[in-house]
Amino acid sequence: MTHWLAYVLDLLMSILFFIPFYIKLFRFPSFRIEMFSYGVLPRSLLTLAAVVVITVEFILFVLFATGLLDGWKELAAASLLAVFALFSWRKTKMTGIDGCACYGDISFLNRFPVLRNLILIGLLVLNLLLQSEARDPYMILNSIIFVTAFSFSIEIIQSLWKRRNRRSNHEQPAVPL
């Protein structure tokens, strides 16, 4: 039974690393600006750091979707999330802004990034304690397809919701004659 919970947690983590990977990749200039706002790196290193972050997020997506490198993937993900939490905490202290653009327009995931990352680290620790089973190639392929389809569905729904809200905000009430 615990192997199924471990599998579900792996899929959740895979989704939570695929979405920011995808968003950052296709909004690369905005991601570089977001990184600059943390005040941690000089401008000369922003592009390199952005590529490294995107690459690491993609690798973590693949590792969690495939179930490879149990233990190591959780350690790498927890380390990355801890660094992100530290940078977010620093930015909040410097600017008073408690939010990020990690998940693009998915606002509920962008609020309270330090708390979100601490919760995710807790889930990673739980995942370390659970017994995981090796996955066959068919299950790995299904996992990757599920994660990407689910992530794209979230992005599509978010875009439609945003478009609907823009339309409803621009509609003017009819003026009676």
Protein backbone atom coordinates (compact mmCIF):
# COMPACT_ATOMS: atom_id res chain seq x y z
CA MET A 1 0.00 0.00 0.00
CA THR A 2 2.80 2.44 0.81
CA HIS A 3 4.29 1.99 -2.65
CA TRP A 4 1.12 3.54 -4.13
CA LEU A 5 1.40 6.55 -1.83
CA ALA A 6 5.05 6.87 -2.82
CA TYR A 7 3.99 6.73 -6.49
CA VAL A 8 1.33 9.43 -5.98
CA LEU A 9 3.85 11.65 -4.17
CA ASP A 10 6.33 11.09 -7.01
CA LEU A 11 3.68 12.15 -9.54
CA LEU A 12 2.80 15.22 -7.47
CA MET A 13 6.45 16.25 -7.24
CA SER A 14 6.91 15.58 -10.93
CA ILE A 15 3.99 17.90 -11.73
CA LEU A 16 5.28 20.54 -9.32
CA PHE A 17 8.66 20.53 -11.09
CA PHE A 18 7.32 20.24 -14.64
CA ILE A 19 5.01 23.27 -14.42
CA PRO A 20 7.71 25.78 -13.39
CA PHE A 21 10.16 24.21 -15.85
CA TYR A 22 7.70 24.69 -18.69
CA ILE A 23 6.65 28.20 -17.63
CA LYS A 24 10.22 29.41 -17.08
CA LEU A 25 11.37 27.91 -20.37
CA PHE A 26 8.72 29.69 -22.43
CA ARG A 27 8.88 32.92 -20.42
CA PHE A 28 12.64 33.02 -20.18
CA PRO A 29 13.10 36.82 -20.25
CA SER A 30 10.52 37.23 -17.47
CA PHE A 31 12.23 34.49 -15.48
CA ARG A 32 15.56 36.32 -15.74
CA ILE A 33 13.89 39.51 -14.46
CA GLU A 34 12.31 37.55 -11.60
CA MET A 35 15.74 36.10 -10.71
CA PHE A 36 17.26 39.59 -10.75
CA SER A 37 14.59 40.81 -8.31
CA TYR A 38 15.99 38.47 -5.64
CA GLY A 39 19.21 40.49 -5.59
CA VAL A 40 21.41 37.42 -5.23
CA LEU A 41 23.25 37.25 -8.54
CA PRO A 42 25.01 39.81 -10.73
CA ARG A 43 23.47 40.42 -14.15
CA SER A 44 26.36 38.63 -15.85
CA LEU A 45 25.31 35.31 -14.24
CA LEU A 46 21.54 35.56 -14.68
CA THR A 47 21.32 33.69 -17.98
CA LEU A 48 23.59 30.89 -16.80
CA ALA A 49 21.73 30.57 -13.48
CA ALA A 50 18.36 30.57 -15.27
CA VAL A 51 19.51 27.77 -17.58
CA VAL A 52 20.81 25.77 -14.61
CA VAL A 53 17.53 26.17 -12.68
CA ILE A 54 15.44 25.18 -15.70
CA THR A 55 17.68 22.18 -16.37
CA VAL A 56 17.55 21.00 -12.74
CA GLU A 57 13.76 21.35 -12.68
CA PHE A 58 13.51 19.29 -15.87
CA ILE A 59 15.80 16.59 -14.45
CA LEU A 60 13.73 16.46 -11.24
CA PHE A 61 10.53 16.18 -13.29
CA VAL A 62 11.99 13.18 -15.15
CA LEU A 63 13.37 11.55 -11.99
CA PHE A 64 10.08 11.80 -10.11
CA ALA A 65 8.02 10.70 -13.14
CA THR A 66 10.25 7.68 -13.72
CA GLY A 67 10.94 6.77 -10.10
CA LEU A 68 14.68 6.67 -10.74
CA LEU A 69 17.32 7.49 -8.12
CA ASP A 70 15.14 7.03 -5.05
CA GLY A 71 16.56 8.94 -2.15
CA TRP A 72 18.84 11.06 -4.30
CA LYS A 73 16.00 12.78 -6.16
CA GLU A 74 14.30 13.69 -2.87
CA LEU A 75 17.57 15.04 -1.48
CA ALA A 76 18.21 17.10 -4.61
CA ALA A 77 14.63 18.43 -4.68
CA ALA A 78 14.65 19.29 -0.96
CA SER A 79 17.98 21.09 -1.37
CA LEU A 80 16.69 23.08 -4.33
CA LEU A 81 13.46 23.97 -2.52
CA ALA A 82 15.42 25.00 0.60
CA VAL A 83 17.60 27.34 -1.47
CA PHE A 84 14.50 28.77 -3.16
CA ALA A 85 12.84 29.23 0.26
CA LEU A 86 15.92 31.03 1.58
CA PHE A 87 16.03 33.35 -1.44
CA SER A 88 12.27 34.00 -1.18
CA TRP A 89 12.57 34.77 2.54
CA ARG A 90 15.45 37.17 1.77
CA LYS A 91 13.42 38.89 -0.96
CA THR A 92 10.43 39.26 1.37
CA LYS A 93 12.67 40.84 4.02
CA MET A 94 14.20 43.22 1.46
CA THR A 95 11.06 44.19 -0.46
CA GLY A 96 8.08 43.20 1.65
CA ILE A 97 6.73 41.16 -1.28
CA ASP A 98 5.77 37.62 -0.25
CA GLY A 99 5.26 35.91 -3.58
CA CYS A 100 7.02 34.62 -6.64
CA ALA A 101 6.35 33.96 -10.30
CA CYS A 102 7.55 30.34 -10.19
CA TYR A 103 4.24 28.94 -11.41
CA GLY A 104 3.33 31.68 -13.90
CA ASP A 105 -0.35 32.59 -13.73
CA ILE A 106 -1.20 29.84 -11.22
CA SER A 107 -1.49 32.36 -8.41
CA PHE A 108 -2.35 30.02 -5.53
CA LEU A 109 1.02 28.28 -6.01
CA ASN A 110 2.88 31.61 -6.13
CA ARG A 111 1.60 32.87 -2.78
CA PHE A 112 3.66 32.20 0.33
CA PRO A 113 6.61 30.52 -1.44
CA VAL A 114 8.55 29.88 1.78
CA LEU A 115 5.62 28.05 3.39
CA ARG A 116 4.89 26.17 0.14
CA ASN A 117 8.49 25.01 -0.14
CA LEU A 118 8.62 23.93 3.50
CA ILE A 119 5.45 21.86 2.98
CA LEU A 120 6.95 20.32 -0.16
CA ILE A 121 10.15 19.49 1.74
CA GLY A 122 7.98 17.76 4.36
CA LEU A 123 6.30 15.72 1.62
CA LEU A 124 9.73 14.80 0.25
CA VAL A 125 10.81 13.57 3.68
CA LEU A 126 7.62 11.51 3.88
CA ASN A 127 8.35 10.12 0.43
CA LEU A 128 11.82 9.07 1.61
CA LEU A 129 10.23 7.03 4.40
CA LEU A 130 7.84 5.19 2.09
CA GLN A 131 8.64 1.96 0.30
CA SER A 132 8.84 2.49 -3.45
CA GLU A 133 8.69 -0.16 -6.16
CA ALA A 134 10.60 -0.28 -9.42
CA ARG A 135 8.51 0.82 -12.38
CA ASP A 136 8.36 -0.94 -15.70
CA PRO A 137 8.86 1.05 -18.94
CA TYR A 138 5.10 1.10 -19.62
CA MET A 139 4.38 2.66 -16.24
CA ILE A 140 7.21 5.18 -16.70
CA LEU A 141 5.83 6.23 -20.09
CA ASN A 142 2.31 6.53 -18.66
CA SER A 143 3.63 8.61 -15.77
CA ILE A 144 5.43 11.05 -18.08
CA ILE A 145 2.38 11.36 -20.34
CA PHE A 146 0.09 11.87 -17.33
CA VAL A 147 2.30 14.54 -15.77
CA THR A 148 2.71 16.52 -18.98
CA ALA A 149 -0.97 16.24 -19.93
CA PHE A 150 -2.11 17.21 -16.42
CA SER A 151 0.32 20.16 -16.33
CA PHE A 152 -0.74 21.41 -19.76
CA SER A 153 -4.38 21.07 -18.71
CA ILE A 154 -3.75 23.27 -15.69
CA GLU A 155 -2.07 25.85 -17.94
CA ILE A 156 -4.96 25.77 -20.44
CA ILE A 157 -7.60 26.09 -17.72
CA GLN A 158 -5.66 28.97 -16.15
CA SER A 159 -5.42 30.75 -19.52
CA LEU A 160 -9.13 30.30 -20.20
CA TRP A 161 -9.99 31.54 -16.71
CA LYS A 162 -7.76 34.60 -17.18
CA ARG A 163 -9.29 35.34 -20.61
CA ARG A 164 -12.82 34.98 -19.19
CA ASN A 165 -12.03 37.38 -16.34
CA ARG A 166 -10.52 39.91 -18.76
CA ARG A 167 -13.63 39.81 -20.93
CA SER A 168 -15.99 40.21 -17.98
CA ASN A 169 -13.94 43.16 -16.67
CA HIS A 170 -14.09 44.93 -20.04
CA GLU A 171 -17.81 44.56 -20.59
CA GLN A 172 -19.65 47.81 -20.05
CA PRO A 173 -23.18 47.81 -18.73
CA ALA A 174 -25.77 48.86 -21.27
CA VAL A 175 -26.87 52.49 -21.01
CA PRO A 176 -30.66 52.83 -20.98
CA LEU A 177 -32.15 55.24 -23.54
